[in-house]
């Protein structure tokens, strides 16, 4: 069965660097859907009957989660280094 178009999600350009890692996580969480980066943000396609509002919330949540992870990584690495030396 061919994939059907589900949703285009606009993401603020400031968050675009975090989209690729977020798409990996989303692909794991929703294997029945296909996620891709677009010029505006993220597009979702697949054969799922997923609720578009819930899907949009999940996509934006995962992108914000990745942003926090990347921004706090240096601090966590410094903390781990301090604890192990």
N, C-alpha and C. Protein backbone atom coordinates (compact mmCIF):
# COMPACT_ATOMS: atom_id res chain seq x y z
N UNK A 1 0.84 -1.17 0.00
CA UNK A 1 0.00 0.00 0.00
C UNK A 1 0.89 1.24 0.00
N UNK A 2 0.69 2.20 -0.89
CA UNK A 2 1.54 3.39 -0.95
C UNK A 2 1.32 4.27 0.27
N UNK A 3 2.38 4.96 0.65
CA UNK A 3 2.31 5.88 1.78
C UNK A 3 1.45 7.09 1.41
N UNK A 4 0.62 7.48 2.34
CA UNK A 4 -0.20 8.66 2.11
C UNK A 4 0.37 9.83 2.90
N UNK A 5 0.16 11.00 2.38
CA UNK A 5 0.66 12.20 3.04
C UNK A 5 -0.18 12.48 4.28
N UNK A 6 0.47 12.72 5.39
CA UNK A 6 -0.23 12.94 6.63
C UNK A 6 -0.17 14.38 7.07
N UNK A 7 1.03 14.98 7.12
CA UNK A 7 1.17 16.26 7.79
C UNK A 7 2.46 16.99 7.40
N UNK A 8 2.36 18.31 7.29
CA UNK A 8 3.53 19.19 7.18
C UNK A 8 3.57 20.01 8.45
N UNK A 9 4.71 20.03 9.11
CA UNK A 9 4.83 20.75 10.38
C UNK A 9 5.88 21.84 10.21
N UNK A 10 5.46 23.08 10.41
CA UNK A 10 6.40 24.20 10.34
C UNK A 10 7.15 24.31 11.66
N UNK A 11 8.47 24.41 11.54
CA UNK A 11 9.34 24.51 12.70
C UNK A 11 10.16 25.79 12.55
N UNK A 12 10.28 26.54 13.62
CA UNK A 12 11.08 27.76 13.62
C UNK A 12 12.49 27.42 13.14
N UNK A 13 13.04 28.22 12.22
CA UNK A 13 14.38 27.93 11.69
C UNK A 13 15.46 27.78 12.76
N UNK A 14 15.31 28.40 13.92
CA UNK A 14 16.30 28.26 14.99
C UNK A 14 16.40 26.82 15.48
N UNK A 15 15.36 26.02 15.27
CA UNK A 15 15.33 24.63 15.72
C UNK A 15 15.72 23.64 14.63
N UNK A 16 15.94 24.09 13.41
CA UNK A 16 16.26 23.19 12.30
C UNK A 16 17.51 22.34 12.53
N UNK A 17 18.55 22.84 13.22
CA UNK A 17 19.72 21.97 13.44
C UNK A 17 19.42 20.72 14.27
N UNK A 18 18.32 20.72 14.99
CA UNK A 18 17.98 19.61 15.87
C UNK A 18 17.03 18.61 15.22
N UNK A 19 16.59 18.90 14.02
CA UNK A 19 15.63 18.04 13.34
C UNK A 19 16.20 16.66 13.00
N UNK A 20 17.39 16.54 12.42
CA UNK A 20 17.86 15.20 12.01
C UNK A 20 17.89 14.17 13.14
N UNK A 21 18.43 14.53 14.29
CA UNK A 21 18.47 13.58 15.41
C UNK A 21 17.07 13.27 15.91
N UNK A 22 16.20 14.26 15.88
CA UNK A 22 14.82 14.05 16.31
C UNK A 22 14.09 13.09 15.38
N UNK A 23 14.38 13.17 14.09
CA UNK A 23 13.73 12.27 13.14
C UNK A 23 14.11 10.82 13.36
N UNK A 24 15.34 10.59 13.79
CA UNK A 24 15.75 9.22 14.11
C UNK A 24 14.92 8.66 15.26
N UNK A 25 14.74 9.46 16.29
CA UNK A 25 13.96 9.03 17.44
C UNK A 25 12.50 8.83 17.05
N UNK A 26 11.95 9.73 16.27
CA UNK A 26 10.55 9.62 15.84
C UNK A 26 10.33 8.38 14.98
N UNK A 27 11.30 8.05 14.14
CA UNK A 27 11.18 6.86 13.30
C UNK A 27 11.13 5.59 14.14
N UNK A 28 11.83 5.61 15.25
CA UNK A 28 11.80 4.47 16.16
C UNK A 28 10.45 4.40 16.89
N UNK A 29 9.94 5.54 17.32
CA UNK A 29 8.69 5.58 18.07
C UNK A 29 7.47 5.29 17.19
N UNK A 30 7.55 5.68 15.93
CA UNK A 30 6.42 5.53 14.99
C UNK A 30 6.91 4.84 13.72
N UNK A 31 7.19 3.54 13.79
CA UNK A 31 7.74 2.84 12.62
C UNK A 31 6.79 2.79 11.42
N UNK A 32 5.51 3.01 11.65
CA UNK A 32 4.53 2.98 10.56
C UNK A 32 4.49 4.29 9.77
N UNK A 33 5.22 5.31 10.25
CA UNK A 33 5.24 6.62 9.59
C UNK A 33 6.63 6.91 9.03
N UNK A 34 6.67 7.76 8.01
CA UNK A 34 7.93 8.22 7.44
C UNK A 34 8.09 9.70 7.76
N UNK A 35 9.22 10.05 8.37
CA UNK A 35 9.51 11.43 8.73
C UNK A 35 10.62 11.95 7.85
N UNK A 36 10.50 13.20 7.43
CA UNK A 36 11.53 13.81 6.61
C UNK A 36 11.66 15.28 6.91
N UNK A 37 12.87 15.78 6.75
CA UNK A 37 13.10 17.22 6.93
C UNK A 37 12.66 17.93 5.65
N UNK A 38 12.08 19.09 5.83
CA UNK A 38 11.68 19.91 4.69
C UNK A 38 12.23 21.31 4.91
N UNK A 39 12.06 22.15 3.93
CA UNK A 39 12.53 23.53 4.06
C UNK A 39 11.84 24.26 5.21
N UNK A 40 10.59 23.93 5.46
CA UNK A 40 9.82 24.59 6.51
C UNK A 40 9.94 23.88 7.86
N UNK A 41 10.35 22.62 7.87
CA UNK A 41 10.43 21.88 9.12
C UNK A 41 10.43 20.39 8.90
N UNK A 42 9.28 19.76 9.14
CA UNK A 42 9.17 18.30 9.08
C UNK A 42 7.92 17.92 8.29
N UNK A 43 8.06 16.91 7.45
CA UNK A 43 6.87 16.34 6.82
C UNK A 43 6.75 14.90 7.25
N UNK A 44 5.51 14.47 7.39
CA UNK A 44 5.20 13.13 7.88
C UNK A 44 4.30 12.46 6.86
N UNK A 45 4.61 11.23 6.51
CA UNK A 45 3.75 10.47 5.62
C UNK A 45 3.71 9.03 6.11
N UNK A 46 2.69 8.33 5.69
CA UNK A 46 2.55 6.94 6.09
C UNK A 46 1.11 6.50 5.99
N UNK A 47 0.86 5.32 6.45
CA UNK A 47 -0.48 4.76 6.35
C UNK A 47 -1.18 4.73 7.70
N UNK A 48 -0.62 5.42 8.67
CA UNK A 48 -1.18 5.41 10.02
C UNK A 48 -2.42 6.30 10.11
N UNK A 49 -3.30 5.97 11.02
CA UNK A 49 -4.45 6.81 11.31
C UNK A 49 -4.15 7.73 12.49
N UNK A 50 -2.90 8.14 12.63
CA UNK A 50 -2.47 8.97 13.76
C UNK A 50 -3.20 10.31 13.78
N UNK A 51 -3.49 10.77 14.97
CA UNK A 51 -4.11 12.07 15.18
C UNK A 51 -3.11 13.17 14.82
N UNK A 52 -3.42 14.03 13.84
CA UNK A 52 -2.46 15.06 13.41
C UNK A 52 -2.03 16.01 14.53
N UNK A 53 -2.94 16.39 15.42
CA UNK A 53 -2.58 17.29 16.51
C UNK A 53 -1.60 16.61 17.47
N UNK A 54 -1.84 15.36 17.77
CA UNK A 54 -0.95 14.61 18.66
C UNK A 54 0.42 14.42 18.01
N UNK A 55 0.41 14.14 16.72
CA UNK A 55 1.65 13.95 15.98
C UNK A 55 2.47 15.23 15.95
N UNK A 56 1.82 16.35 15.72
CA UNK A 56 2.53 17.63 15.72
C UNK A 56 3.14 17.92 17.08
N UNK A 57 2.40 17.66 18.15
CA UNK A 57 2.94 17.85 19.51
C UNK A 57 4.15 16.96 19.74
N UNK A 58 4.06 15.71 19.30
CA UNK A 58 5.17 14.78 19.50
C UNK A 58 6.41 15.21 18.72
N UNK A 59 6.23 15.66 17.49
CA UNK A 59 7.36 16.11 16.67
C UNK A 59 8.03 17.32 17.32
N UNK A 60 7.25 18.31 17.71
CA UNK A 60 7.85 19.51 18.31
C UNK A 60 8.49 19.18 19.65
N UNK A 61 7.89 18.27 20.42
CA UNK A 61 8.48 17.85 21.69
C UNK A 61 9.84 17.19 21.47
N UNK A 62 9.93 16.30 20.50
CA UNK A 62 11.19 15.60 20.24
C UNK A 62 12.28 16.56 19.77
N UNK A 63 11.90 17.55 18.98
CA UNK A 63 12.89 18.54 18.51
C UNK A 63 13.37 19.38 19.69
N UNK A 64 12.48 19.82 20.54
CA UNK A 64 12.87 20.61 21.70
C UNK A 64 13.71 19.77 22.66
N UNK A 65 13.35 18.51 22.82
CA UNK A 65 14.12 17.60 23.67
C UNK A 65 15.56 17.46 23.16
N UNK A 66 15.71 17.35 21.83
CA UNK A 66 17.05 17.25 21.24
C UNK A 66 17.83 18.54 21.45
N UNK A 67 17.17 19.68 21.35
CA UNK A 67 17.83 20.97 21.58
C UNK A 67 18.39 21.03 23.00
N UNK A 68 17.59 20.64 23.98
CA UNK A 68 18.03 20.65 25.37
C UNK A 68 19.20 19.69 25.55
N UNK A 69 19.09 18.49 24.96
CA UNK A 69 20.17 17.51 25.08
C UNK A 69 21.49 18.08 24.56
N UNK A 70 21.46 18.66 23.36
CA UNK A 70 22.69 19.17 22.76
C UNK A 70 23.25 20.36 23.51
N UNK A 71 22.38 21.23 24.01
CA UNK A 71 22.85 22.41 24.72
C UNK A 71 23.41 22.09 26.10
N UNK A 72 22.95 21.02 26.72
CA UNK A 72 23.44 20.67 28.06
C UNK A 72 24.56 19.63 28.03
N UNK A 73 24.86 19.09 26.87
CA UNK A 73 25.90 18.07 26.76
C UNK A 73 27.26 18.54 27.30
N UNK A 74 27.76 19.72 26.94
CA UNK A 74 29.06 20.15 27.49
C UNK A 74 29.06 20.22 29.03
N UNK A 75 27.98 20.68 29.60
CA UNK A 75 27.89 20.78 31.05
C UNK A 75 27.92 19.38 31.68
N UNK A 76 27.18 18.44 31.10
CA UNK A 76 27.16 17.08 31.62
C UNK A 76 28.52 16.41 31.47
N UNK A 77 29.17 16.64 30.34
CA UNK A 77 30.50 16.06 30.12
C UNK A 77 31.50 16.61 31.14
N UNK A 78 31.42 17.89 31.43
CA UNK A 78 32.32 18.50 32.44
C UNK A 78 32.05 17.91 33.82
N UNK A 79 30.79 17.72 34.14
CA UNK A 79 30.42 17.14 35.42
C UNK A 79 30.94 15.71 35.54
N UNK A 80 30.75 14.91 34.50
CA UNK A 80 31.23 13.54 34.52
C UNK A 80 32.76 13.49 34.65
N UNK A 81 33.42 14.39 33.94
CA UNK A 81 34.88 14.45 34.01
C UNK A 81 35.34 14.81 35.42
N UNK A 82 34.66 15.77 36.01
CA UNK A 82 35.01 16.19 37.37
C UNK A 82 34.78 15.04 38.36
N UNK A 83 33.73 14.28 38.18
CA UNK A 83 33.44 13.18 39.09
C UNK A 83 34.38 11.99 38.95
N UNK A 84 34.95 11.83 37.77
CA UNK A 84 35.82 10.67 37.53
C UNK A 84 37.30 10.97 37.72
N UNK A 85 37.66 12.20 38.01
CA UNK A 85 39.08 12.51 38.22
C UNK A 85 39.37 12.80 39.67
